[in-house]
Amino acid sequence: MPYEMKWEERGVYSRFFGVVTGEDVLAHAKRIGNDPRVSKLSYQISDFTAIEDHTVKRSDVLFAAATDSVLKSVPLAVIYSQQRPEDLELIELHRNSSLMKSRPMRFFTSEQEARAWLGAIAC
């Protein structure tokens, strides 16, 4: 499982690392969606800066978006590496899926920027 999750007082921070598979992305989405704390979730931060590569397919992303539909109103801050801008294509696919179009989502290159945005929108 090349990710770790940390539940915070009002949100969840997930850090992905190594080689991430489609199965990892789906397991992550299900793990959040099935947690009883999801009903009180005010934000989600997904940090992809430590991934080395991925084998995630478009179909994995779309299935994860359907699984994540319970989170469609929860602001999501995505942190990505400037060395891997190609990963943004899959993240954009997730955001632009019909179930997630209304979800507040922004992209950042640092956790500090992500948390500043979440604080500014008063999650």
PDB file of N, CA and C in Angstrom:
ATOM      1  N   MET A   1       0.851  -1.175   0.000  1.00  0.00           N
ATOM      2  CA  MET A   1       0.000   0.000   0.000  1.00  0.00           C
ATOM      3  C   MET A   1       0.893   1.232   0.000  1.00  0.00           C
ATOM      4  N   PRO A   2       1.137   1.797  -1.170  1.00  0.00           N
ATOM      5  CA  PRO A   2       2.042   2.955  -1.228  1.00  0.00           C
ATOM      6  C   PRO A   2       1.370   4.293  -0.921  1.00  0.00           C
ATOM      7  N   TYR A   3       0.611   4.308   0.157  1.00  0.00           N
ATOM      8  CA  TYR A   3       0.084   5.575   0.656  1.00  0.00           C
ATOM      9  C   TYR A   3      -0.116   5.447   2.159  1.00  0.00           C
ATOM     10  N   GLU A   4      -0.132   6.596   2.796  1.00  0.00           N
ATOM     11  CA  GLU A   4      -0.446   6.638   4.214  1.00  0.00           C
ATOM     12  C   GLU A   4      -1.492   7.720   4.419  1.00  0.00           C
ATOM     13  N   MET A   5      -2.391   7.481   5.351  1.00  0.00           N
ATOM     14  CA  MET A   5      -3.455   8.434   5.643  1.00  0.00           C
ATOM     15  C   MET A   5      -3.355   8.870   7.096  1.00  0.00           C
ATOM     16  N   LYS A   6      -3.590  10.143   7.308  1.00  0.00           N
ATOM     17  CA  LYS A   6      -3.614  10.674   8.669  1.00  0.00           C
ATOM     18  C   LYS A   6      -4.908  11.468   8.823  1.00  0.00           C
ATOM     19  N   TRP A   7      -5.770  10.972   9.682  1.00  0.00           N
ATOM     20  CA  TRP A   7      -7.000  11.706   9.972  1.00  0.00           C
ATOM     21  C   TRP A   7      -6.664  12.839  10.915  1.00  0.00           C
ATOM     22  N   GLU A   8      -7.113  14.034  10.552  1.00  0.00           N
ATOM     23  CA  GLU A   8      -6.887  15.225  11.365  1.00  0.00           C
ATOM     24  C   GLU A   8      -8.220  15.638  11.986  1.00  0.00           C
ATOM     25  N   GLU A   9      -8.213  16.674  12.758  1.00  0.00           N
ATOM     26  CA  GLU A   9      -9.431  17.064  13.466  1.00  0.00           C
ATOM     27  C   GLU A   9     -10.625  17.256  12.524  1.00  0.00           C
ATOM     28  N   ARG A  10     -10.404  17.905  11.388  1.00  0.00           N
ATOM     29  CA  ARG A  10     -11.514  18.188  10.481  1.00  0.00           C
ATOM     30  C   ARG A  10     -11.291  17.663   9.066  1.00  0.00           C
ATOM     31  N   GLY A  11     -10.208  16.926   8.852  1.00  0.00           N
ATOM     32  CA  GLY A  11      -9.921  16.467   7.507  1.00  0.00           C
ATOM     33  C   GLY A  11      -9.044  15.241   7.483  1.00  0.00           C
ATOM     34  N   VAL A  12      -8.589  14.917   6.293  1.00  0.00           N
ATOM     35  CA  VAL A  12      -7.700  13.766   6.120  1.00  0.00           C
ATOM     36  C   VAL A  12      -6.569  14.167   5.167  1.00  0.00           C
ATOM     37  N   TYR A  13      -5.364  13.787   5.539  1.00  0.00           N
ATOM     38  CA  TYR A  13      -4.166  14.025   4.734  1.00  0.00           C
ATOM     39  C   TYR A  13      -3.661  12.673   4.252  1.00  0.00           C
ATOM     40  N   SER A  14      -3.504  12.521   2.945  1.00  0.00           N
ATOM     41  CA  SER A  14      -2.987  11.278   2.365  1.00  0.00           C
ATOM     42  C   SER A  14      -1.716  11.582   1.596  1.00  0.00           C
ATOM     43  N   ARG A  15      -0.704  10.768   1.822  1.00  0.00           N
ATOM     44  CA  ARG A  15       0.578  10.926   1.120  1.00  0.00           C
ATOM     45  C   ARG A  15       0.836   9.639   0.345  1.00  0.00           C
ATOM     46  N   PHE A  16       0.974   9.788  -0.972  1.00  0.00           N
ATOM     47  CA  PHE A  16       1.271   8.654  -1.847  1.00  0.00           C
ATOM     48  C   PHE A  16       2.766   8.635  -2.126  1.00  0.00           C
ATOM     49  N   PHE A  17       3.339   7.437  -2.286  1.00  0.00           N
ATOM     50  CA  PHE A  17       4.779   7.333  -2.528  1.00  0.00           C
ATOM     51  C   PHE A  17       5.080   6.077  -3.332  1.00  0.00           C
ATOM     52  N   GLY A  18       6.280   6.037  -3.903  1.00  0.00           N
ATOM     53  CA  GLY A  18       6.696   4.866  -4.678  1.00  0.00           C
ATOM     54  C   GLY A  18       5.938   4.759  -5.988  1.00  0.00           C
ATOM     55  N   VAL A  19       5.629   3.526  -6.377  1.00  0.00           N
ATOM     56  CA  VAL A  19       4.867   3.268  -7.600  1.00  0.00           C
ATOM     57  C   VAL A  19       3.416   3.010  -7.192  1.00  0.00           C
ATOM     58  N   VAL A  20       2.525   3.863  -7.639  1.00  0.00           N
ATOM     59  CA  VAL A  20       1.117   3.788  -7.268  1.00  0.00           C
ATOM     60  C   VAL A  20       0.346   3.077  -8.380  1.00  0.00           C
ATOM     61  N   THR A  21      -0.494   2.118  -7.996  1.00  0.00           N
ATOM     62  CA  THR A  21      -1.304   1.371  -8.967  1.00  0.00           C
ATOM     63  C   THR A  21      -2.752   1.856  -8.923  1.00  0.00           C
ATOM     64  N   GLY A  22      -3.510   1.456  -9.929  1.00  0.00           N
ATOM     65  CA  GLY A  22      -4.936   1.758  -9.929  1.00  0.00           C
ATOM     66  C   GLY A  22      -5.629   1.149  -8.735  1.00  0.00           C
ATOM     67  N   GLU A  23      -5.212  -0.042  -8.349  1.00  0.00           N
ATOM     68  CA  GLU A  23      -5.792  -0.699  -7.181  1.00  0.00           C
ATOM     69  C   GLU A  23      -5.548   0.116  -5.906  1.00  0.00           C
ATOM     70  N   ASP A  24      -4.384   0.752  -5.824  1.00  0.00           N
ATOM     71  CA  ASP A  24      -4.079   1.599  -4.669  1.00  0.00           C
ATOM     72  C   ASP A  24      -5.031   2.794  -4.601  1.00  0.00           C
ATOM     73  N   VAL A  25      -5.266   3.411  -5.750  1.00  0.00           N
ATOM     74  CA  VAL A  25      -6.148   4.580  -5.809  1.00  0.00           C
ATOM     75  C   VAL A  25      -7.562   4.185  -5.396  1.00  0.00           C
ATOM     76  N   LEU A  26      -8.029   3.046  -5.894  1.00  0.00           N
ATOM     77  CA  LEU A  26      -9.374   2.585  -5.554  1.00  0.00           C
ATOM     78  C   LEU A  26      -9.469   2.212  -4.079  1.00  0.00           C
ATOM     79  N   ALA A  27      -8.460   1.533  -3.554  1.00  0.00           N
ATOM     80  CA  ALA A  27      -8.459   1.155  -2.143  1.00  0.00           C
ATOM     81  C   ALA A  27      -8.481   2.401  -1.264  1.00  0.00           C
ATOM     82  N   HIS A  28      -7.746   3.414  -1.653  1.00  0.00           N
ATOM     83  CA  HIS A  28      -7.709   4.676  -0.904  1.00  0.00           C
ATOM     84  C   HIS A  28      -9.092   5.316  -0.882  1.00  0.00           C
ATOM     85  N   ALA A  29      -9.730   5.400  -2.048  1.00  0.00           N
ATOM     86  CA  ALA A  29     -11.064   6.011  -2.127  1.00  0.00           C
ATOM     87  C   ALA A  29     -12.068   5.243  -1.270  1.00  0.00           C
ATOM     88  N   LYS A  30     -12.017   3.929  -1.336  1.00  0.00           N
ATOM     89  CA  LYS A  30     -12.941   3.109  -0.534  1.00  0.00           C
ATOM     90  C   LYS A  30     -12.663   3.257   0.954  1.00  0.00           C
ATOM     91  N   ARG A  31     -11.396   3.329   1.305  1.00  0.00           N
ATOM     92  CA  ARG A  31     -11.026   3.447   2.722  1.00  0.00           C
ATOM     93  C   ARG A  31     -11.580   4.731   3.322  1.00  0.00           C
ATOM     94  N   ILE A  32     -11.483   5.825   2.588  1.00  0.00           N
ATOM     95  CA  ILE A  32     -12.044   7.089   3.082  1.00  0.00           C
ATOM     96  C   ILE A  32     -13.563   7.009   3.117  1.00  0.00           C
ATOM     97  N   GLY A  33     -14.154   6.558   2.016  1.00  0.00           N
ATOM     98  CA  GLY A  33     -15.610   6.506   1.927  1.00  0.00           C
ATOM     99  C   GLY A  33     -16.265   5.605   2.953  1.00  0.00           C
ATOM    100  N   ASN A  34     -15.575   4.569   3.388  1.00  0.00           N
ATOM    101  CA  ASN A  34     -16.139   3.627   4.354  1.00  0.00           C
ATOM    102  C   ASN A  34     -15.841   3.978   5.806  1.00  0.00           C
ATOM    103  N   ASP A  35     -15.059   5.020   6.028  1.00  0.00           N
ATOM    104  CA  ASP A  35     -14.715   5.407   7.391  1.00  0.00           C
ATOM    105  C   ASP A  35     -15.863   6.223   7.998  1.00  0.00           C
ATOM    106  N   PRO A  36     -16.261   5.937   9.228  1.00  0.00           N
ATOM    107  CA  PRO A  36     -17.361   6.689   9.844  1.00  0.00           C
ATOM    108  C   PRO A  36     -17.070   8.183  10.003  1.00  0.00           C
ATOM    109  N   ARG A  37     -15.815   8.570   9.979  1.00  0.00           N
ATOM    110  CA  ARG A  37     -15.460   9.993  10.121  1.00  0.00           C
ATOM    111  C   ARG A  37     -15.747  10.795   8.857  1.00  0.00           C
ATOM    112  N   VAL A  38     -16.058  10.121   7.757  1.00  0.00           N
ATOM    113  CA  VAL A  38     -16.265  10.809   6.489  1.00  0.00           C
ATOM    114  C   VAL A  38     -17.415  11.815   6.566  1.00  0.00           C
ATOM    115  N   SER A  39     -18.407  11.550   7.390  1.00  0.00           N
ATOM    116  CA  SER A  39     -19.554  12.460   7.483  1.00  0.00           C
ATOM    117  C   SER A  39     -19.179  13.811   8.101  1.00  0.00           C
ATOM    118  N   LYS A  40     -18.050  13.866   8.803  1.00  0.00           N
ATOM    119  CA  LYS A  40     -17.610  15.111   9.430  1.00  0.00           C
ATOM    120  C   LYS A  40     -16.415  15.733   8.718  1.00  0.00           C
ATOM    121  N   LEU A  41     -16.086  15.188   7.574  1.00  0.00           N
ATOM    122  CA  LEU A  41     -14.906  15.634   6.843  1.00  0.00           C
ATOM    123  C   LEU A  41     -15.114  17.034   6.265  1.00  0.00           C
ATOM    124  N   SER A  42     -14.188  17.945   6.561  1.00  0.00           N
ATOM    125  CA  SER A  42     -14.262  19.312   6.038  1.00  0.00           C
ATOM    126  C   SER A  42     -13.268  19.561   4.915  1.00  0.00           C
ATOM    127  N   TYR A  43     -12.243  18.720   4.780  1.00  0.00           N
ATOM    128  CA  TYR A  43     -11.273  18.874   3.704  1.00  0.00           C
ATOM    129  C   TYR A  43     -10.525  17.568   3.499  1.00  0.00           C
ATOM    130  N   GLN A  44      -9.900  17.485   2.330  1.00  0.00           N
ATOM    131  CA  GLN A  44      -9.041  16.347   1.997  1.00  0.00           C
ATOM    132  C   GLN A  44      -7.800  16.893   1.315  1.00  0.00           C
ATOM    133  N   ILE A  45      -6.647  16.405   1.732  1.00  0.00           N
ATOM    134  CA  ILE A  45      -5.387  16.762   1.084  1.00  0.00           C
ATOM    135  C   ILE A  45      -4.776  15.475   0.552  1.00  0.00           C
ATOM    136  N   SER A  46      -4.465  15.464  -0.734  1.00  0.00           N
ATOM    137  CA  SER A  46      -3.786  14.324  -1.351  1.00  0.00           C
ATOM    138  C   SER A  46      -2.434  14.802  -1.857  1.00  0.00           C
ATOM    139  N   ASP A  47      -1.373  14.221  -1.321  1.00  0.00           N
ATOM    140  CA  ASP A  47      -0.003  14.631  -1.619  1.00  0.00           C
ATOM    141  C   ASP A  47       0.655  13.562  -2.496  1.00  0.00           C
ATOM    142  N   PHE A  48       0.960  13.934  -3.736  1.00  0.00           N
ATOM    143  CA  PHE A  48       1.570  13.016  -4.691  1.00  0.00           C
ATOM    144  C   PHE A  48       3.046  13.326  -4.949  1.00  0.00           C
ATOM    145  N   THR A  49       3.665  14.149  -4.109  1.00  0.00           N
ATOM    146  CA  THR A  49       5.033  14.590  -4.393  1.00  0.00           C
ATOM    147  C   THR A  49       6.077  13.490  -4.268  1.00  0.00           C
ATOM    148  N   ALA A  50       5.757  12.404  -3.570  1.00  0.00           N
ATOM    149  CA  ALA A  50       6.754  11.345  -3.371  1.00  0.00           C
ATOM    150  C   ALA A  50       6.550  10.131  -4.279  1.00  0.00           C
ATOM    151  N   ILE A  51       5.636  10.238  -5.261  1.00  0.00           N
ATOM    152  CA  ILE A  51       5.487   9.078  -6.140  1.00  0.00           C
ATOM    153  C   ILE A  51       6.619   9.069  -7.162  1.00  0.00           C
ATOM    154  N   GLU A  52       7.075   7.865  -7.452  1.00  0.00           N
ATOM    155  CA  GLU A  52       8.133   7.690  -8.454  1.00  0.00           C
ATOM    156  C   GLU A  52       7.537   7.416  -9.826  1.00  0.00           C
ATOM    157  N   ASP A  53       6.407   6.714  -9.830  1.00  0.00           N
ATOM    158  CA  ASP A  53       5.716   6.376 -11.070  1.00  0.00           C
ATOM    159  C   ASP A  53       4.337   5.859 -10.701  1.00  0.00           C
ATOM    160  N   HIS A  54       3.514   5.631 -11.716  1.00  0.00           N
ATOM    161  CA  HIS A  54       2.202   5.042 -11.460  1.00  0.00           C
ATOM    162  C   HIS A  54       1.773   4.204 -12.656  1.00  0.00           C
ATOM    163  N   THR A  55       0.858   3.286 -12.379  1.00  0.00           N
ATOM    164  CA  THR A  55       0.258   2.475 -13.439  1.00  0.00           C
ATOM    165  C   THR A  55      -1.251   2.692 -13.443  1.00  0.00           C
ATOM    166  N   VAL A  56      -1.676   3.862 -13.025  1.00  0.00           N
ATOM    167  CA  VAL A  56      -3.088   4.202 -12.933  1.00  0.00           C
ATOM    168  C   VAL A  56      -3.623   4.484 -14.339  1.00  0.00           C
ATOM    169  N   LYS A  57      -4.772   3.869 -14.646  1.00  0.00           N
ATOM    170  CA  LYS A  57      -5.423   4.061 -15.943  1.00  0.00           C
ATOM    171  C   LYS A  57      -6.610   5.005 -15.788  1.00  0.00           C
ATOM    172  N   ARG A  58      -7.048   5.520 -16.909  1.00  0.00           N
ATOM    173  CA  ARG A  58      -8.214   6.415 -16.907  1.00  0.00           C
ATOM    174  C   ARG A  58      -9.419   5.743 -16.254  1.00  0.00           C
ATOM    175  N   SER A  59      -9.618   4.468 -16.531  1.00  0.00           N
ATOM    176  CA  SER A  59     -10.771   3.746 -15.960  1.00  0.00           C
ATOM    177  C   SER A  59     -10.666   3.675 -14.433  1.00  0.00           C
ATOM    178  N   ASP A  60      -9.453   3.562 -13.904  1.00  0.00           N
ATOM    179  CA  ASP A  60      -9.257   3.558 -12.445  1.00  0.00           C
ATOM    180  C   ASP A  60      -9.681   4.895 -11.848  1.00  0.00           C
ATOM    181  N   VAL A  61      -9.299   5.966 -12.517  1.00  0.00           N
ATOM    182  CA  VAL A  61      -9.612   7.311 -12.030  1.00  0.00           C
ATOM    183  C   VAL A  61     -11.121   7.539 -12.034  1.00  0.00           C
ATOM    184  N   LEU A  62     -11.782   7.123 -13.107  1.00  0.00           N
ATOM    185  CA  LEU A  62     -13.230   7.324 -13.193  1.00  0.00           C
ATOM    186  C   LEU A  62     -13.968   6.490 -12.149  1.00  0.00           C
ATOM    187  N   PHE A  63     -13.495   5.279 -11.910  1.00  0.00           N
ATOM    188  CA  PHE A  63     -14.121   4.445 -10.874  1.00  0.00           C
ATOM    189  C   PHE A  63     -13.888   5.047  -9.494  1.00  0.00           C
ATOM    190  N   ALA A  64     -12.698   5.561  -9.259  1.00  0.00           N
ATOM    191  CA  ALA A  64     -12.408   6.210  -7.970  1.00  0.00           C
ATOM    192  C   ALA A  64     -13.288   7.440  -7.786  1.00  0.00           C
ATOM    193  N   ALA A  65     -13.518   8.194  -8.848  1.00  0.00           N
ATOM    194  CA  ALA A  65     -14.387   9.377  -8.754  1.00  0.00           C
ATOM    195  C   ALA A  65     -15.800   8.966  -8.376  1.00  0.00           C
ATOM    196  N   ALA A  66     -16.277   7.861  -8.924  1.00  0.00           N
ATOM    197  CA  ALA A  66     -17.611   7.372  -8.564  1.00  0.00           C
ATOM    198  C   ALA A  66     -17.637   6.947  -7.105  1.00  0.00           C
ATOM    199  N   THR A  67     -16.572   6.306  -6.656  1.00  0.00           N
ATOM    200  CA  THR A  67     -16.469   5.875  -5.260  1.00  0.00           C
ATOM    201  C   THR A  67     -16.376   7.088  -4.339  1.00  0.00           C
ATOM    202  N   ASP A  68     -15.717   8.135  -4.802  1.00  0.00           N
ATOM    203  CA  ASP A  68     -15.527   9.360  -4.018  1.00  0.00           C
ATOM    204  C   ASP A  68     -16.756  10.262  -4.014  1.00  0.00           C
ATOM    205  N   SER A  69     -17.837   9.881  -4.680  1.00  0.00           N
ATOM    206  CA  SER A  69     -18.964  10.796  -4.837  1.00  0.00           C
ATOM    207  C   SER A  69     -19.517  11.290  -3.498  1.00  0.00           C
ATOM    208  N   VAL A  70     -19.319  10.527  -2.430  1.00  0.00           N
ATOM    209  CA  VAL A  70     -19.730  10.962  -1.103  1.00  0.00           C
ATOM    210  C   VAL A  70     -18.959  12.209  -0.682  1.00  0.00           C
ATOM    211  N   LEU A  71     -17.823  12.462  -1.318  1.00  0.00           N
ATOM    212  CA  LEU A  71     -16.964  13.597  -0.970  1.00  0.00           C
ATOM    213  C   LEU A  71     -17.137  14.784  -1.923  1.00  0.00           C
ATOM    214  N   LYS A  72     -18.158  14.779  -2.767  1.00  0.00           N
ATOM    215  CA  LYS A  72     -18.234  15.784  -3.831  1.00  0.00           C
ATOM    216  C   LYS A  72     -18.340  17.223  -3.361  1.00  0.00           C
ATOM    217  N   SER A  73     -18.691  17.461  -2.101  1.00  0.00           N
ATOM    218  CA  SER A  73     -18.725  18.839  -1.608  1.00  0.00           C
ATOM    219  C   SER A  73     -17.557  19.157  -0.682  1.00  0.00           C
ATOM    220  N   VAL A  74     -16.674  18.181  -0.446  1.00  0.00           N
ATOM    221  CA  VAL A  74     -15.527  18.367   0.446  1.00  0.00           C
ATOM    222  C   VAL A  74     -14.359  18.943  -0.346  1.00  0.00           C
ATOM    223  N   PRO A  75     -13.838  20.109   0.026  1.00  0.00           N
ATOM    224  CA  PRO A  75     -12.704  20.673  -0.702  1.00  0.00           C
ATOM    225  C   PRO A  75     -11.506  19.724  -0.710  1.00  0.00           C
ATOM    226  N   LEU A  76     -10.884  19.621  -1.881  1.00  0.00           N
ATOM    227  CA  LEU A  76      -9.723  18.767  -2.068  1.00  0.00           C
ATOM    228  C   LEU A  76      -8.544  19.608  -2.521  1.00  0.00           C
ATOM    229  N   ALA A  77      -7.457  19.531  -1.783  1.00  0.00           N
ATOM    230  CA  ALA A  77      -6.208  20.181  -2.159  1.00  0.00           C
ATOM    231  C   ALA A  77      -5.257  19.087  -2.632  1.00  0.00           C
ATOM    232  N   VAL A  78      -4.781  19.206  -3.854  1.00  0.00           N
ATOM    233  CA  VAL A  78      -3.880  18.209  -4.431  1.00  0.00           C
ATOM    234  C   VAL A  78      -2.483  18.815  -4.505  1.00  0.00           C
ATOM    235  N   ILE A  79      -1.517  18.102  -3.954  1.00  0.00           N
ATOM    236  CA  ILE A  79      -0.126  18.548  -3.994  1.00  0.00           C
ATOM    237  C   ILE A  79       0.606  17.624  -4.953  1.00  0.00           C
ATOM    238  N   TYR A  80       1.244  18.194  -5.955  1.00  0.00           N
ATOM    239  CA  TYR A  80       1.930  17.390  -6.963  1.00  0.00           C
ATOM    240  C   TYR A  80       3.358  17.887  -7.146  1.00  0.00           C
ATOM    241  N   SER A  81       4.163  17.054  -7.742  1.00  0.00           N
ATOM    242  CA  SER A  81       5.559  17.408  -7.988  1.00  0.00           C
ATOM    243  C   SER A  81       5.693  18.118  -9.328  1.00  0.00           C
ATOM    244  N   GLN A  82       6.421  19.204  -9.336  1.00  0.00           N
ATOM    245  CA  GLN A  82       6.668  19.903 -10.597  1.00  0.00           C
ATOM    246  C   GLN A  82       7.500  19.050 -11.545  1.00  0.00           C
ATOM    247  N   GLN A  83       8.174  18.037 -11.001  1.00  0.00           N
ATOM    248  CA  GLN A  83       8.961  17.137 -11.841  1.00  0.00           C
ATOM    249  C   GLN A  83       8.086  16.112 -12.555  1.00  0.00           C
ATOM    250  N   ARG A  84       6.806  15.998 -12.188  1.00  0.00           N
ATOM    251  CA  ARG A  84       5.897  15.025 -12.808  1.00  0.00           C
ATOM    252  C   ARG A  84       4.593  15.711 -13.221  1.00  0.00           C
ATOM    253  N   PRO A  85       4.646  16.748 -14.062  1.00  0.00           N
ATOM    254  CA  PRO A  85       3.414  17.443 -14.437  1.00  0.00           C
ATOM    255  C   PRO A  85       2.434  16.562 -15.211  1.00  0.00           C
ATOM    256  N   GLU A  86       2.913  15.453 -15.776  1.00  0.00           N
ATOM    257  CA  GLU A  86       2.014  14.555 -16.519  1.00  0.00           C
ATOM    258  C   GLU A  86       0.965  13.918 -15.605  1.00  0.00           C
ATOM    259  N   ASP A  87       1.233  13.872 -14.305  1.00  0.00           N
ATOM    260  CA  ASP A  87       0.262  13.308 -13.375  1.00  0.00           C
ATOM    261  C   ASP A  87      -0.992  14.172 -13.271  1.00  0.00           C
ATOM    262  N   LEU A  88      -0.857  15.445 -13.616  1.00  0.00           N
ATOM    263  CA  LEU A  88      -2.013  16.341 -13.543  1.00  0.00           C
ATOM    264  C   LEU A  88      -3.124  15.913 -14.494  1.00  0.00           C
ATOM    265  N   GLU A  89      -2.785  15.245 -15.589  1.00  0.00           N
ATOM    266  CA  GLU A  89      -3.805  14.795 -16.540  1.00  0.00           C
ATOM    267  C   GLU A  89      -4.813  13.863 -15.858  1.00  0.00           C
ATOM    268  N   LEU A  90      -4.315  12.914 -15.069  1.00  0.00           N
ATOM    269  CA  LEU A  90      -5.221  11.996 -14.378  1.00  0.00           C
ATOM    270  C   LEU A  90      -6.000  12.698 -13.269  1.00  0.00           C
ATOM    271  N   ILE A  91      -5.357  13.637 -12.593  1.00  0.00           N
ATOM    272  CA  ILE A  91      -6.037  14.377 -11.532  1.00  0.00           C
ATOM    273  C   ILE A  91      -7.147  15.240 -12.137  1.00  0.00           C
ATOM    274  N   GLU A  92      -6.864  15.855 -13.274  1.00  0.00           N
ATOM    275  CA  GLU A  92      -7.879  16.658 -13.975  1.00  0.00           C
ATOM    276  C   GLU A  92      -9.044  15.777 -14.423  1.00  0.00           C
ATOM    277  N   LEU A  93      -8.754  14.561 -14.876  1.00  0.00           N
ATOM    278  CA  LEU A  93      -9.803  13.630 -15.277  1.00  0.00           C
ATOM    279  C   LEU A  93     -10.732  13.360 -14.091  1.00  0.00           C
ATOM    280  N   HIS A  94     -10.158  13.154 -12.925  1.00  0.00           N
ATOM    281  CA  HIS A  94     -10.952  12.938 -11.710  1.00  0.00           C
ATOM    282  C   HIS A  94     -11.837  14.151 -11.441  1.00  0.00           C
ATOM    283  N   ARG A  95     -11.255  15.324 -11.520  1.00  0.00           N
ATOM    284  CA  ARG A  95     -12.008  16.544 -11.233  1.00  0.00           C
ATOM    285  C   ARG A  95     -13.118  16.768 -12.248  1.00  0.00           C
ATOM    286  N   ASN A  96     -12.869  16.453 -13.493  1.00  0.00           N
ATOM    287  CA  ASN A  96     -13.837  16.733 -14.551  1.00  0.00           C
ATOM    288  C   ASN A  96     -14.864  15.631 -14.768  1.00  0.00           C
ATOM    289  N   SER A  97     -14.783  14.572 -13.971  1.00  0.00           N
ATOM    290  CA  SER A  97     -15.813  13.541 -14.089  1.00  0.00           C
ATOM    291  C   SER A  97     -17.139  14.162 -13.651  1.00  0.00           C
ATOM    292  N   SER A  98     -18.227  13.657 -14.175  1.00  0.00           N
ATOM    293  CA  SER A  98     -19.528  14.276 -13.920  1.00  0.00           C
ATOM    294  C   SER A  98     -19.870  14.337 -12.442  1.00  0.00           C
ATOM    295  N   LEU A  99     -19.397  13.381 -11.663  1.00  0.00           N
ATOM    296  CA  LEU A  99     -19.727  13.365 -10.238  1.00  0.00           C
ATOM    297  C   LEU A  99     -18.928  14.385  -9.433  1.00  0.00           C
ATOM    298  N   MET A 100     -17.808  14.841  -9.961  1.00  0.00           N
ATOM    299  CA  MET A 100     -16.912  15.696  -9.183  1.00  0.00           C
ATOM    300  C   MET A 100     -16.836  17.137  -9.683  1.00  0.00           C
ATOM    301  N   LYS A 101     -17.580  17.493 -10.729  1.00  0.00           N
ATOM    302  CA  LYS A 101     -17.443  18.830 -11.301  1.00  0.00           C
ATOM    303  C   LYS A 101     -17.694  19.951 -10.311  1.00  0.00           C
ATOM    304  N   SER A 102     -18.539  19.718  -9.337  1.00  0.00           N
ATOM    305  CA  SER A 102     -18.836  20.778  -8.371  1.00  0.00           C
ATOM    306  C   SER A 102     -17.895  20.777  -7.169  1.00  0.00           C
ATOM    307  N   ARG A 103     -17.005  19.800  -7.100  1.00  0.00           N
ATOM    308  CA  ARG A 103     -16.119  19.696  -5.937  1.00  0.00           C
ATOM    309  C   ARG A 103     -15.043  20.778  -5.970  1.00  0.00           C
ATOM    310  N   PRO A 104     -14.914  21.552  -4.894  1.00  0.00           N
ATOM    311  CA  PRO A 104     -13.823  22.531  -4.851  1.00  0.00           C
ATOM    312  C   PRO A 104     -12.474  21.795  -4.844  1.00  0.00           C
ATOM    313  N   MET A 105     -11.638  22.092  -5.822  1.00  0.00           N
ATOM    314  CA  MET A 105     -10.344  21.417  -5.934  1.00  0.00           C
ATOM    315  C   MET A 105      -9.318  22.391  -6.497  1.00  0.00           C
ATOM    316  N   ARG A 106      -8.137  22.372  -5.910  1.00  0.00           N
ATOM    317  CA  ARG A 106      -7.028  23.197  -6.396  1.00  0.00           C
ATOM    318  C   ARG A 106      -5.753  22.380  -6.361  1.00  0.00           C
ATOM    319  N   PHE A 107      -4.775  22.803  -7.156  1.00  0.00           N
ATOM    320  CA  PHE A 107      -3.487  22.126  -7.253  1.00  0.00           C
ATOM    321  C   PHE A 107      -2.390  23.008  -6.681  1.00  0.00           C
ATOM    322  N   PHE A 108      -1.488  22.389  -5.924  1.00  0.00           N
ATOM    323  CA  PHE A 108      -0.407  23.117  -5.270  1.00  0.00           C
ATOM    324  C   PHE A 108       0.886  22.335  -5.379  1.00  0.00           C
ATOM    325  N   THR A 109       1.990  23.022  -5.155  1.00  0.00           N
ATOM    326  CA  THR A 109       3.288  22.342  -5.166  1.00  0.00           C
ATOM    327  C   THR A 109       3.862  22.196  -3.767  1.00  0.00           C
ATOM    328  N   SER A 110       3.114  22.641  -2.741  1.00  0.00           N
ATOM    329  CA  SER A 110       3.578  22.447  -1.364  1.00  0.00           C
ATOM    330  C   SER A 110       2.384  22.285  -0.431  1.00  0.00           C
ATOM    331  N   GLU A 111       2.621  21.584   0.669  1.00  0.00           N
ATOM    332  CA  GLU A 111       1.577  21.404   1.677  1.00  0.00           C
ATOM    333  C   GLU A 111       1.202  22.743   2.302  1.00  0.00           C
ATOM    334  N   GLN A 112       2.173  23.604   2.482  1.00  0.00           N
ATOM    335  CA  GLN A 112       1.912  24.921   3.078  1.00  0.00           C
ATOM    336  C   GLN A 112       0.907  25.711   2.227  1.00  0.00           C
ATOM    337  N   GLU A 113       1.095  25.721   0.902  1.00  0.00           N
ATOM    338  CA  GLU A 113       0.157  26.424   0.013  1.00  0.00           C
ATOM    339  C   GLU A 113      -1.238  25.806   0.092  1.00  0.00           C
ATOM    340  N   ALA A 114      -1.286  24.479   0.123  1.00  0.00           N
ATOM    341  CA  ALA A 114      -2.570  23.783   0.176  1.00  0.00           C
ATOM    342  C   ALA A 114      -3.326  24.144   1.453  1.00  0.00           C
ATOM    343  N   ARG A 115      -2.633  24.108   2.571  1.00  0.00           N
ATOM    344  CA  ARG A 115      -3.289  24.418   3.841  1.00  0.00           C
ATOM    345  C   ARG A 115      -3.705  25.889   3.919  1.00  0.00           C
ATOM    346  N   ALA A 116      -2.929  26.767   3.298  1.00  0.00           N
ATOM    347  CA  ALA A 116      -3.309  28.188   3.277  1.00  0.00           C
ATOM    348  C   ALA A 116      -4.628  28.378   2.509  1.00  0.00           C
ATOM    349  N   TRP A 117      -4.757  27.684   1.377  1.00  0.00           N
ATOM    350  CA  TRP A 117      -5.996  27.770   0.596  1.00  0.00           C
ATOM    351  C   TRP A 117      -7.179  27.223   1.399  1.00  0.00           C
ATOM    352  N   LEU A 118      -6.982  26.072   2.019  1.00  0.00           N
ATOM    353  CA  LEU A 118      -8.070  25.496   2.810  1.00  0.00           C
ATOM    354  C   LEU A 118      -8.466  26.426   3.948  1.00  0.00           C
ATOM    355  N   GLY A 119      -7.481  27.082   4.562  1.00  0.00           N
ATOM    356  CA  GLY A 119      -7.789  28.049   5.615  1.00  0.00           C
ATOM    357  C   GLY A 119      -8.530  29.259   5.082  1.00  0.00           C
ATOM    358  N   ALA A 120      -8.186  29.671   3.873  1.00  0.00           N
ATOM    359  CA  ALA A 120      -8.832  30.850   3.270  1.00  0.00           C
ATOM    360  C   ALA A 120     -10.281  30.585   2.904  1.00  0.00           C
ATOM    361  N   ILE A 121     -10.610  29.342   2.587  1.00  0.00           N
ATOM    362  CA  ILE A 121     -12.006  29.044   2.247  1.00  0.00           C
ATOM    363  C   ILE A 121     -12.772  28.555   3.478  1.00  0.00           C
ATOM    364  N   ALA A 122     -12.100  28.624   4.633  1.00  0.00           N
ATOM    365  CA  ALA A 122     -12.699  28.335   5.940  1.00  0.00           C
ATOM    366  C   ALA A 122     -13.372  26.980   6.006  1.00  0.00           C
ATOM    367  N   CYS A 123     -12.588  25.954   5.759  1.00  0.00           N
ATOM    368  CA  CYS A 123     -13.111  24.587   5.885  1.00  0.00           C
ATOM    369  C   CYS A 123     -13.360  24.259   7.327  1.00  0.00           C
TER     370      CYS A 123
END
